[in-house]
Protein backbone atom coordinates (compact mmCIF):
# COMPACT_ATOMS: atom_id res chain seq x y z
CA UNK A 1 -8.42 7.49 -2.17
CA UNK A 2 -7.67 4.63 0.19
CA UNK A 3 -8.89 1.89 -2.17
CA UNK A 4 -6.40 3.01 -4.84
CA UNK A 5 -3.51 2.80 -2.36
CA UNK A 6 -4.70 -0.64 -1.23
CA UNK A 7 -4.86 -1.81 -4.83
CA UNK A 8 -1.36 -0.49 -5.54
CA UNK A 9 -0.07 -2.24 -2.43
CA UNK A 10 -1.77 -5.46 -3.59
CA UNK A 11 -0.05 -5.15 -6.97
CA UNK A 12 3.35 -4.59 -5.37
CA UNK A 13 2.99 -7.62 -3.10
CA UNK A 14 1.70 -9.69 -6.03
CA UNK A 15 4.78 -8.80 -8.06
CA UNK A 16 7.10 -9.68 -5.18
CA UNK A 17 5.30 -12.98 -4.59
CA UNK A 18 5.55 -13.82 -8.29
CA UNK A 19 9.27 -13.07 -8.32
CA UNK A 20 9.78 -15.22 -5.23
CA UNK A 21 8.00 -18.12 -6.91
CA UNK A 22 10.87 -18.57 -9.41
CA UNK A 23 13.51 -19.75 -6.92
CA UNK A 24 10.83 -21.56 -4.91
CA UNK A 25 9.70 -23.57 -7.94
CA UNK A 26 13.30 -24.40 -8.80
CA UNK A 27 13.99 -25.53 -5.23
CA UNK A 28 10.87 -27.72 -5.22
CA UNK A 29 11.99 -29.27 -8.51
CA UNK A 30 15.47 -29.97 -7.12
CA UNK A 31 13.87 -31.59 -4.06
CA UNK A 32 11.73 -33.74 -6.36
CA UNK A 33 8.42 -32.21 -5.25
CA UNK A 34 7.71 -30.80 -8.72
CA UNK A 35 8.33 -32.35 -12.10
CA UNK A 36 10.24 -30.28 -14.65
CA UNK A 37 6.99 -29.76 -16.55
CA UNK A 38 5.26 -28.46 -13.42
CA UNK A 39 8.25 -26.22 -12.74
CA UNK A 40 7.99 -24.75 -16.23
CA UNK A 41 4.23 -24.24 -15.81
CA UNK A 42 4.61 -22.50 -12.42
CA UNK A 43 7.38 -20.23 -13.70
CA UNK A 44 5.42 -19.38 -16.86
CA UNK A 45 2.22 -18.53 -14.98
CA UNK A 46 4.06 -16.47 -12.35
CA UNK A 47 6.03 -14.67 -15.06
CA UNK A 48 2.80 -13.70 -16.83
CA UNK A 49 1.23 -12.54 -13.55
CA UNK A 50 4.30 -10.51 -12.58
CA UNK A 51 4.51 -8.85 -15.99
CA UNK A 52 0.79 -8.06 -15.98
CA UNK A 53 0.87 -6.60 -12.48
CA UNK A 54 4.00 -4.61 -13.30
CA UNK A 55 2.40 -3.18 -16.43
CA UNK A 56 -0.67 -2.05 -14.50
CA UNK A 57 1.43 -0.61 -11.70
CA UNK A 58 3.74 1.26 -14.05
CA UNK A 59 0.79 2.56 -16.04
CA UNK A 60 -0.91 3.78 -12.86
CA UNK A 61 2.24 5.18 -11.27
CA UNK A 62 5.59 3.88 -10.20
CA UNK A 63 6.47 2.51 -6.76
CA UNK A 64 8.11 5.73 -5.62
CA UNK A 65 5.28 8.02 -6.70
CA UNK A 66 2.71 5.82 -4.95
CA UNK A 67 4.71 5.88 -1.73
CA UNK A 68 5.15 9.64 -2.06
CA UNK A 69 1.40 10.10 -2.50
CA UNK A 70 0.79 8.03 0.64
CA UNK A 71 3.31 10.13 2.57
CA UNK A 72 1.71 13.39 1.39
CA UNK A 73 -1.74 12.07 2.30
CA UNK A 74 -0.54 11.17 5.82
CA UNK A 75 1.06 14.60 6.25
CA UNK A 76 -2.13 16.34 5.11
CA UNK A 77 -4.17 14.23 7.51
CA UNK A 78 -1.85 15.14 10.39
CA UNK A 79 -2.08 18.83 9.47
CA UNK A 80 -5.89 18.64 9.44
CA UNK A 81 -5.88 16.90 12.83
CA UNK A 82 -3.61 19.58 14.28
CA UNK A 83 -5.96 22.30 13.02
CA UNK A 84 -8.93 20.45 14.51
CA UNK A 85 -7.20 20.05 17.88
CA UNK A 86 -6.26 23.74 17.98
CA UNK A 87 -9.81 24.78 17.09
CA UNK A 88 -11.19 22.48 19.79
CA UNK A 89 -8.82 23.98 22.38
CA UNK A 90 -9.89 27.52 21.47
CA UNK A 91 -13.53 26.48 21.58
CA UNK A 92 -13.25 24.82 24.99
CA UNK A 93 -11.32 27.82 26.40
CA UNK A 94 -13.98 30.24 25.17
CA UNK A 95 -16.81 28.06 26.51
CA UNK A 96 -15.08 27.91 29.88
CA UNK A 97 -14.80 31.72 29.93
CA UNK A 98 -18.44 32.16 28.88
CA UNK A 99 -19.63 29.78 31.58
CA UNK A 100 -17.66 31.70 34.24
CA UNK A 101 -19.04 35.04 33.08
CA UNK A 102 -22.58 35.79 34.31
CA UNK A 103 -25.13 36.55 31.67
């Protein structure tokens, strides 16, 4: 389902954002915009969030399997659309023939 893929994508981006917060917090501390205590707090909170998100994501399926499922879903959708288009072409061709043929 789409909502599961959206949730998995949210988890992946959350993990990446949490990982990016480590160097960002350190840079802000070096620039004097964060105190060392604030730096420690930001890193601790982001570490907990990243580990939690990673645990959920790994429990639900790894990055690669989620992407593979999305790819398979897109391929199935394209196959269904192709079948629908072919059926519609056959239908319109037969209707055209029926309309040309007198009853």
